């Protein structure tokens, strides 16, 4: 996620419009969420919470505790 964000900034792919900082922040959060999903076998869908592929009834907080991850201010 970090290297992708660095490349986007370096190549100025976000552009210069009023919402570009907000857009970049959201993009960074989604990339980080996608990376967590890949590392831990979770299902990723943009703008949706991460869920366990094998047991969709599990809630994210229980999964995070099992993986010893802490929820951040955005509920990830």
PDB file of N, CA and C in Angstrom:
ATOM      1  N   UNK A   1       0.827  -1.192   0.000  1.00  0.00           N
ATOM      2  CA  UNK A   1       0.000   0.000   0.000  1.00  0.00           C
ATOM      3  C   UNK A   1       0.870   1.254   0.000  1.00  0.00           C
ATOM      4  N   UNK A   2       1.924   1.248   0.785  1.00  0.00           N
ATOM      5  CA  UNK A   2       2.787   2.432   0.873  1.00  0.00           C
ATOM      6  C   UNK A   2       3.468   2.714  -0.452  1.00  0.00           C
ATOM      7  N   UNK A   3       4.012   1.695  -1.090  1.00  0.00           N
ATOM      8  CA  UNK A   3       4.724   1.931  -2.353  1.00  0.00           C
ATOM      9  C   UNK A   3       3.767   2.399  -3.455  1.00  0.00           C
ATOM     10  N   UNK A   4       2.540   1.901  -3.445  1.00  0.00           N
ATOM     11  CA  UNK A   4       1.561   2.358  -4.433  1.00  0.00           C
ATOM     12  C   UNK A   4       1.227   3.829  -4.199  1.00  0.00           C
ATOM     13  N   UNK A   5       0.996   4.206  -2.936  1.00  0.00           N
ATOM     14  CA  UNK A   5       0.717   5.618  -2.621  1.00  0.00           C
ATOM     15  C   UNK A   5       1.894   6.504  -3.002  1.00  0.00           C
ATOM     16  N   UNK A   6       3.111   6.059  -2.700  1.00  0.00           N
ATOM     17  CA  UNK A   6       4.303   6.836  -3.066  1.00  0.00           C
ATOM     18  C   UNK A   6       4.378   7.048  -4.575  1.00  0.00           C
ATOM     19  N   UNK A   7       4.088   6.019  -5.341  1.00  0.00           N
ATOM     20  CA  UNK A   7       4.120   6.125  -6.805  1.00  0.00           C
ATOM     21  C   UNK A   7       3.047   7.084  -7.311  1.00  0.00           C
ATOM     22  N   UNK A   8       1.864   7.002  -6.749  1.00  0.00           N
ATOM     23  CA  UNK A   8       0.779   7.903  -7.154  1.00  0.00           C
ATOM     24  C   UNK A   8       1.165   9.356  -6.906  1.00  0.00           C
ATOM     25  N   UNK A   9       1.757   9.629  -5.744  1.00  0.00           N
ATOM     26  CA  UNK A   9       2.181  10.997  -5.423  1.00  0.00           C
ATOM     27  C   UNK A   9       3.323  11.428  -6.339  1.00  0.00           C
ATOM     28  N   UNK A  10       4.317  10.558  -6.498  1.00  0.00           N
ATOM     29  CA  UNK A  10       5.492  10.893  -7.313  1.00  0.00           C
ATOM     30  C   UNK A  10       5.105  11.204  -8.753  1.00  0.00           C
ATOM     31  N   UNK A  11       4.160  10.457  -9.300  1.00  0.00           N
ATOM     32  CA  UNK A  11       3.728  10.662 -10.684  1.00  0.00           C
ATOM     33  C   UNK A  11       2.573  11.666 -10.805  1.00  0.00           C
ATOM     34  N   UNK A  12       2.182  12.232  -9.670  1.00  0.00           N
ATOM     35  CA  UNK A  12       1.105  13.228  -9.628  1.00  0.00           C
ATOM     36  C   UNK A  12      -0.172  12.714 -10.304  1.00  0.00           C
ATOM     37  N   UNK A  13      -0.565  11.489  -9.950  1.00  0.00           N
ATOM     38  CA  UNK A  13      -1.736  10.874 -10.570  1.00  0.00           C
ATOM     39  C   UNK A  13      -3.053  11.285  -9.917  1.00  0.00           C
ATOM     40  N   UNK A  14      -2.984  11.934  -8.767  1.00  0.00           N
ATOM     41  CA  UNK A  14      -4.205  12.361  -8.090  1.00  0.00           C
ATOM     42  C   UNK A  14      -4.739  13.635  -8.712  1.00  0.00           C
ATOM     43  N   UNK A  15      -3.866  14.482  -9.175  1.00  0.00           N
ATOM     44  CA  UNK A  15      -4.282  15.735  -9.808  1.00  0.00           C
ATOM     45  C   UNK A  15      -4.417  16.863  -8.812  1.00  0.00           C
ATOM     46  N   UNK A  16      -4.747  18.006  -9.313  1.00  0.00           N
ATOM     47  CA  UNK A  16      -4.894  19.188  -8.470  1.00  0.00           C
ATOM     48  C   UNK A  16      -6.328  19.691  -8.579  1.00  0.00           C
ATOM     49  N   UNK A  17      -7.187  19.193  -7.712  1.00  0.00           N
ATOM     50  CA  UNK A  17      -8.560  19.673  -7.623  1.00  0.00           C
ATOM     51  C   UNK A  17      -8.897  19.797  -6.147  1.00  0.00           C
ATOM     52  N   UNK A  18      -9.976  20.433  -5.821  1.00  0.00           N
ATOM     53  CA  UNK A  18     -10.275  20.769  -4.424  1.00  0.00           C
ATOM     54  C   UNK A  18     -10.353  19.549  -3.502  1.00  0.00           C
ATOM     55  N   UNK A  19     -10.767  18.417  -4.002  1.00  0.00           N
ATOM     56  CA  UNK A  19     -10.898  17.231  -3.165  1.00  0.00           C
ATOM     57  C   UNK A  19      -9.734  16.270  -3.248  1.00  0.00           C
ATOM     58  N   UNK A  20      -8.611  16.685  -3.837  1.00  0.00           N
ATOM     59  CA  UNK A  20      -7.524  15.733  -4.081  1.00  0.00           C
ATOM     60  C   UNK A  20      -6.908  15.189  -2.798  1.00  0.00           C
ATOM     61  N   UNK A  21      -6.765  16.016  -1.749  1.00  0.00           N
ATOM     62  CA  UNK A  21      -6.202  15.510  -0.496  1.00  0.00           C
ATOM     63  C   UNK A  21      -7.141  14.500   0.152  1.00  0.00           C
ATOM     64  N   UNK A  22      -8.417  14.799   0.149  1.00  0.00           N
ATOM     65  CA  UNK A  22      -9.399  13.876   0.699  1.00  0.00           C
ATOM     66  C   UNK A  22      -9.421  12.578  -0.111  1.00  0.00           C
ATOM     67  N   UNK A  23      -9.357  12.711  -1.425  1.00  0.00           N
ATOM     68  CA  UNK A  23      -9.345  11.543  -2.311  1.00  0.00           C
ATOM     69  C   UNK A  23      -8.102  10.689  -2.043  1.00  0.00           C
ATOM     70  N   UNK A  24      -6.953  11.321  -1.900  1.00  0.00           N
ATOM     71  CA  UNK A  24      -5.710  10.586  -1.643  1.00  0.00           C
ATOM     72  C   UNK A  24      -5.762   9.881  -0.290  1.00  0.00           C
ATOM     73  N   UNK A  25      -6.328  10.549   0.718  1.00  0.00           N
ATOM     74  CA  UNK A  25      -6.456   9.922   2.034  1.00  0.00           C
ATOM     75  C   UNK A  25      -7.353   8.690   1.953  1.00  0.00           C
ATOM     76  N   UNK A  26      -8.475   8.795   1.258  1.00  0.00           N
ATOM     77  CA  UNK A  26      -9.375   7.659   1.101  1.00  0.00           C
ATOM     78  C   UNK A  26      -8.705   6.532   0.321  1.00  0.00           C
ATOM     79  N   UNK A  27      -7.979   6.889  -0.722  1.00  0.00           N
ATOM     80  CA  UNK A  27      -7.260   5.893  -1.513  1.00  0.00           C
ATOM     81  C   UNK A  27      -6.249   5.147  -0.644  1.00  0.00           C
ATOM     82  N   UNK A  28      -5.535   5.894   0.189  1.00  0.00           N
ATOM     83  CA  UNK A  28      -4.569   5.270   1.098  1.00  0.00           C
ATOM     84  C   UNK A  28      -5.229   4.300   2.061  1.00  0.00           C
ATOM     85  N   UNK A  29      -6.379   4.690   2.620  1.00  0.00           N
ATOM     86  CA  UNK A  29      -7.100   3.801   3.543  1.00  0.00           C
ATOM     87  C   UNK A  29      -7.558   2.535   2.831  1.00  0.00           C
ATOM     88  N   UNK A  30      -8.087   2.683   1.624  1.00  0.00           N
ATOM     89  CA  UNK A  30      -8.562   1.511   0.878  1.00  0.00           C
ATOM     90  C   UNK A  30      -7.404   0.596   0.481  1.00  0.00           C
ATOM     91  N   UNK A  31      -6.267   1.173   0.102  1.00  0.00           N
ATOM     92  CA  UNK A  31      -5.101   0.351  -0.234  1.00  0.00           C
ATOM     93  C   UNK A  31      -4.610  -0.416   0.985  1.00  0.00           C
ATOM     94  N   UNK A  32      -4.586   0.236   2.139  1.00  0.00           N
ATOM     95  CA  UNK A  32      -4.163  -0.436   3.371  1.00  0.00           C
ATOM     96  C   UNK A  32      -5.133  -1.557   3.727  1.00  0.00           C
ATOM     97  N   UNK A  33      -6.430  -1.302   3.585  1.00  0.00           N
ATOM     98  CA  UNK A  33      -7.441  -2.324   3.862  1.00  0.00           C
ATOM     99  C   UNK A  33      -7.277  -3.507   2.907  1.00  0.00           C
ATOM    100  N   UNK A  34      -6.995  -3.226   1.636  1.00  0.00           N
ATOM    101  CA  UNK A  34      -6.780  -4.300   0.656  1.00  0.00           C
ATOM    102  C   UNK A  34      -5.545  -5.124   1.013  1.00  0.00           C
ATOM    103  N   UNK A  35      -4.494  -4.450   1.479  1.00  0.00           N
ATOM    104  CA  UNK A  35      -3.275  -5.160   1.874  1.00  0.00           C
ATOM    105  C   UNK A  35      -3.544  -6.065   3.077  1.00  0.00           C
ATOM    106  N   UNK A  36      -4.291  -5.577   4.056  1.00  0.00           N
ATOM    107  CA  UNK A  36      -4.656  -6.397   5.220  1.00  0.00           C
ATOM    108  C   UNK A  36      -5.465  -7.610   4.766  1.00  0.00           C
ATOM    109  N   UNK A  37      -6.402  -7.400   3.848  1.00  0.00           N
ATOM    110  CA  UNK A  37      -7.222  -8.502   3.335  1.00  0.00           C
ATOM    111  C   UNK A  37      -6.355  -9.573   2.677  1.00  0.00           C
ATOM    112  N   UNK A  38      -5.408  -9.148   1.862  1.00  0.00           N
ATOM    113  CA  UNK A  38      -4.516 -10.110   1.200  1.00  0.00           C
ATOM    114  C   UNK A  38      -3.685 -10.894   2.202  1.00  0.00           C
ATOM    115  N   UNK A  39      -3.156 -10.211   3.200  1.00  0.00           N
ATOM    116  CA  UNK A  39      -2.284 -10.862   4.185  1.00  0.00           C
ATOM    117  C   UNK A  39      -3.027 -11.846   5.076  1.00  0.00           C
ATOM    118  N   UNK A  40      -4.324 -11.589   5.322  1.00  0.00           N
ATOM    119  CA  UNK A  40      -5.042 -12.377   6.315  1.00  0.00           C
ATOM    120  C   UNK A  40      -6.218 -13.169   5.752  1.00  0.00           C
ATOM    121  N   UNK A  41      -6.280 -13.302   4.428  1.00  0.00           N
ATOM    122  CA  UNK A  41      -7.318 -14.125   3.812  1.00  0.00           C
ATOM    123  C   UNK A  41      -8.726 -13.594   3.990  1.00  0.00           C
ATOM    124  N   UNK A  42      -8.852 -12.272   4.027  1.00  0.00           N
ATOM    125  CA  UNK A  42     -10.164 -11.659   4.181  1.00  0.00           C
ATOM    126  C   UNK A  42     -10.692 -11.217   2.825  1.00  0.00           C
ATOM    127  N   UNK A  43     -11.996 -11.095   2.728  1.00  0.00           N
ATOM    128  CA  UNK A  43     -12.608 -10.631   1.490  1.00  0.00           C
ATOM    129  C   UNK A  43     -12.567  -9.105   1.456  1.00  0.00           C
ATOM    130  N   UNK A  44     -12.132  -8.537   0.341  1.00  0.00           N
ATOM    131  CA  UNK A  44     -12.066  -7.081   0.199  1.00  0.00           C
ATOM    132  C   UNK A  44     -13.082  -6.602  -0.821  1.00  0.00           C
ATOM    133  N   UNK A  45     -13.864  -5.624  -0.427  1.00  0.00           N
ATOM    134  CA  UNK A  45     -14.751  -4.903  -1.345  1.00  0.00           C
ATOM    135  C   UNK A  45     -14.598  -3.433  -1.006  1.00  0.00           C
ATOM    136  N   UNK A  46     -14.394  -2.629  -2.016  1.00  0.00           N
ATOM    137  CA  UNK A  46     -14.186  -1.197  -1.805  1.00  0.00           C
ATOM    138  C   UNK A  46     -15.338  -0.583  -1.010  1.00  0.00           C
ATOM    139  N   UNK A  47     -14.983   0.254  -0.040  1.00  0.00           N
ATOM    140  CA  UNK A  47     -15.940   0.986   0.801  1.00  0.00           C
ATOM    141  C   UNK A  47     -16.820   0.087   1.660  1.00  0.00           C
ATOM    142  N   UNK A  48     -16.411  -1.160   1.874  1.00  0.00           N
ATOM    143  CA  UNK A  48     -17.152  -2.074   2.742  1.00  0.00           C
ATOM    144  C   UNK A  48     -16.200  -2.651   3.777  1.00  0.00           C
ATOM    145  N   UNK A  49     -16.736  -3.088   4.934  1.00  0.00           N
ATOM    146  CA  UNK A  49     -15.868  -3.678   5.967  1.00  0.00           C
ATOM    147  C   UNK A  49     -15.218  -4.971   5.480  1.00  0.00           C
ATOM    148  N   UNK A  50     -14.069  -5.301   6.049  1.00  0.00           N
ATOM    149  CA  UNK A  50     -13.413  -6.570   5.735  1.00  0.00           C
ATOM    150  C   UNK A  50     -14.180  -7.702   6.393  1.00  0.00           C
ATOM    151  N   UNK A  51     -14.347  -8.820   5.671  1.00  0.00           N
ATOM    152  CA  UNK A  51     -15.007  -9.988   6.246  1.00  0.00           C
ATOM    153  C   UNK A  51     -14.188 -11.234   5.950  1.00  0.00           C
ATOM    154  N   UNK A  52     -14.339 -12.220   6.801  1.00  0.00           N
ATOM    155  CA  UNK A  52     -13.636 -13.482   6.652  1.00  0.00           C
ATOM    156  C   UNK A  52     -14.257 -14.266   5.499  1.00  0.00           C
ATOM    157  N   UNK A  53     -13.449 -14.725   4.556  1.00  0.00           N
ATOM    158  CA  UNK A  53     -13.952 -15.472   3.394  1.00  0.00           C
ATOM    159  C   UNK A  53     -14.605 -16.790   3.793  1.00  0.00           C
ATOM    160  N   UNK A  54     -14.084 -17.436   4.838  1.00  0.00           N
ATOM    161  CA  UNK A  54     -14.567 -18.767   5.193  1.00  0.00           C
ATOM    162  C   UNK A  54     -15.782 -18.727   6.111  1.00  0.00           C
ATOM    163  N   UNK A  55     -15.976 -17.653   6.854  1.00  0.00           N
ATOM    164  CA  UNK A  55     -17.118 -17.560   7.758  1.00  0.00           C
ATOM    165  C   UNK A  55     -17.608 -16.123   7.776  1.00  0.00           C
ATOM    166  N   UNK A  56     -18.492 -15.803   6.863  1.00  0.00           N
ATOM    167  CA  UNK A  56     -18.942 -14.423   6.693  1.00  0.00           C
ATOM    168  C   UNK A  56     -19.745 -13.913   7.880  1.00  0.00           C
ATOM    169  N   UNK A  57     -20.167 -14.798   8.791  1.00  0.00           N
ATOM    170  CA  UNK A  57     -20.915 -14.327   9.954  1.00  0.00           C
ATOM    171  C   UNK A  57     -19.997 -13.758  11.030  1.00  0.00           C
ATOM    172  N   UNK A  58     -18.693 -14.041  10.954  1.00  0.00           N
ATOM    173  CA  UNK A  58     -17.752 -13.458  11.914  1.00  0.00           C
ATOM    174  C   UNK A  58     -17.751 -11.953  11.776  1.00  0.00           C
ATOM    175  N   UNK A  59     -17.676 -11.251  12.901  1.00  0.00           N
ATOM    176  CA  UNK A  59     -17.556  -9.806  12.769  1.00  0.00           C
ATOM    177  C   UNK A  59     -16.082  -9.416  12.722  1.00  0.00           C
ATOM    178  N   UNK A  60     -15.825  -8.247  12.173  1.00  0.00           N
ATOM    179  CA  UNK A  60     -14.455  -7.789  11.952  1.00  0.00           C
ATOM    180  C   UNK A  60     -13.681  -7.660  13.254  1.00  0.00           C
ATOM    181  N   UNK A  61     -14.307  -7.162  14.314  1.00  0.00           N
ATOM    182  CA  UNK A  61     -13.584  -6.971  15.573  1.00  0.00           C
ATOM    183  C   UNK A  61     -13.066  -8.301  16.119  1.00  0.00           C
ATOM    184  N   UNK A  62     -13.871  -9.349  16.050  1.00  0.00           N
ATOM    185  CA  UNK A  62     -13.429 -10.659  16.532  1.00  0.00           C
ATOM    186  C   UNK A  62     -12.246 -11.157  15.703  1.00  0.00           C
ATOM    187  N   UNK A  63     -12.311 -10.971  14.390  1.00  0.00           N
ATOM    188  CA  UNK A  63     -11.212 -11.376  13.517  1.00  0.00           C
ATOM    189  C   UNK A  63      -9.941 -10.601  13.851  1.00  0.00           C
ATOM    190  N   UNK A  64     -10.096  -9.296  14.083  1.00  0.00           N
ATOM    191  CA  UNK A  64      -8.929  -8.468  14.377  1.00  0.00           C
ATOM    192  C   UNK A  64      -8.288  -8.883  15.697  1.00  0.00           C
ATOM    193  N   UNK A  65      -9.106  -9.227  16.693  1.00  0.00           N
ATOM    194  CA  UNK A  65      -8.561  -9.679  17.975  1.00  0.00           C
ATOM    195  C   UNK A  65      -7.786 -10.973  17.783  1.00  0.00           C
ATOM    196  N   UNK A  66      -8.309 -11.868  16.964  1.00  0.00           N
ATOM    197  CA  UNK A  66      -7.612 -13.121  16.695  1.00  0.00           C
ATOM    198  C   UNK A  66      -6.282 -12.871  15.997  1.00  0.00           C
ATOM    199  N   UNK A  67      -6.238 -11.855  15.138  1.00  0.00           N
ATOM    200  CA  UNK A  67      -5.011 -11.518  14.413  1.00  0.00           C
ATOM    201  C   UNK A  67      -4.145 -10.547  15.207  1.00  0.00           C
ATOM    202  N   UNK A  68      -4.635 -10.164  16.404  1.00  0.00           N
ATOM    203  CA  UNK A  68      -3.931  -9.224  17.275  1.00  0.00           C
ATOM    204  C   UNK A  68      -3.734  -7.864  16.615  1.00  0.00           C
ATOM    205  N   UNK A  69      -4.741  -7.443  15.855  1.00  0.00           N
ATOM    206  CA  UNK A  69      -4.737  -6.113  15.248  1.00  0.00           C
ATOM    207  C   UNK A  69      -5.656  -5.222  16.060  1.00  0.00           C
ATOM    208  N   UNK A  70      -5.359  -3.945  16.094  1.00  0.00           N
ATOM    209  CA  UNK A  70      -6.193  -2.993  16.812  1.00  0.00           C
ATOM    210  C   UNK A  70      -6.990  -2.167  15.822  1.00  0.00           C
ATOM    211  N   UNK A  71      -8.214  -1.832  16.221  1.00  0.00           N
ATOM    212  CA  UNK A  71      -9.057  -0.980  15.388  1.00  0.00           C
ATOM    213  C   UNK A  71      -8.497   0.434  15.404  1.00  0.00           C
ATOM    214  N   UNK A  72      -8.475   1.066  14.246  1.00  0.00           N
ATOM    215  CA  UNK A  72      -8.023   2.453  14.201  1.00  0.00           C
ATOM    216  C   UNK A  72      -9.226   3.384  14.256  1.00  0.00           C
ATOM    217  N   UNK A  73      -8.989   4.666  14.131  1.00  0.00           N
ATOM    218  CA  UNK A  73     -10.059   5.647  14.252  1.00  0.00           C
ATOM    219  C   UNK A  73     -11.125   5.533  13.174  1.00  0.00           C
ATOM    220  N   UNK A  74     -10.850   4.815  12.091  1.00  0.00           N
ATOM    221  CA  UNK A  74     -11.808   4.651  11.008  1.00  0.00           C
ATOM    222  C   UNK A  74     -12.580   3.339  11.123  1.00  0.00           C
ATOM    223  N   UNK A  75     -12.335   2.573  12.186  1.00  0.00           N
ATOM    224  CA  UNK A  75     -13.039   1.315  12.370  1.00  0.00           C
ATOM    225  C   UNK A  75     -12.430   0.155  11.613  1.00  0.00           C
ATOM    226  N   UNK A  76     -11.187   0.312  11.190  1.00  0.00           N
ATOM    227  CA  UNK A  76     -10.500  -0.772  10.478  1.00  0.00           C
ATOM    228  C   UNK A  76      -9.734  -1.600  11.458  1.00  0.00           C
TER     229      UNK A  76
END
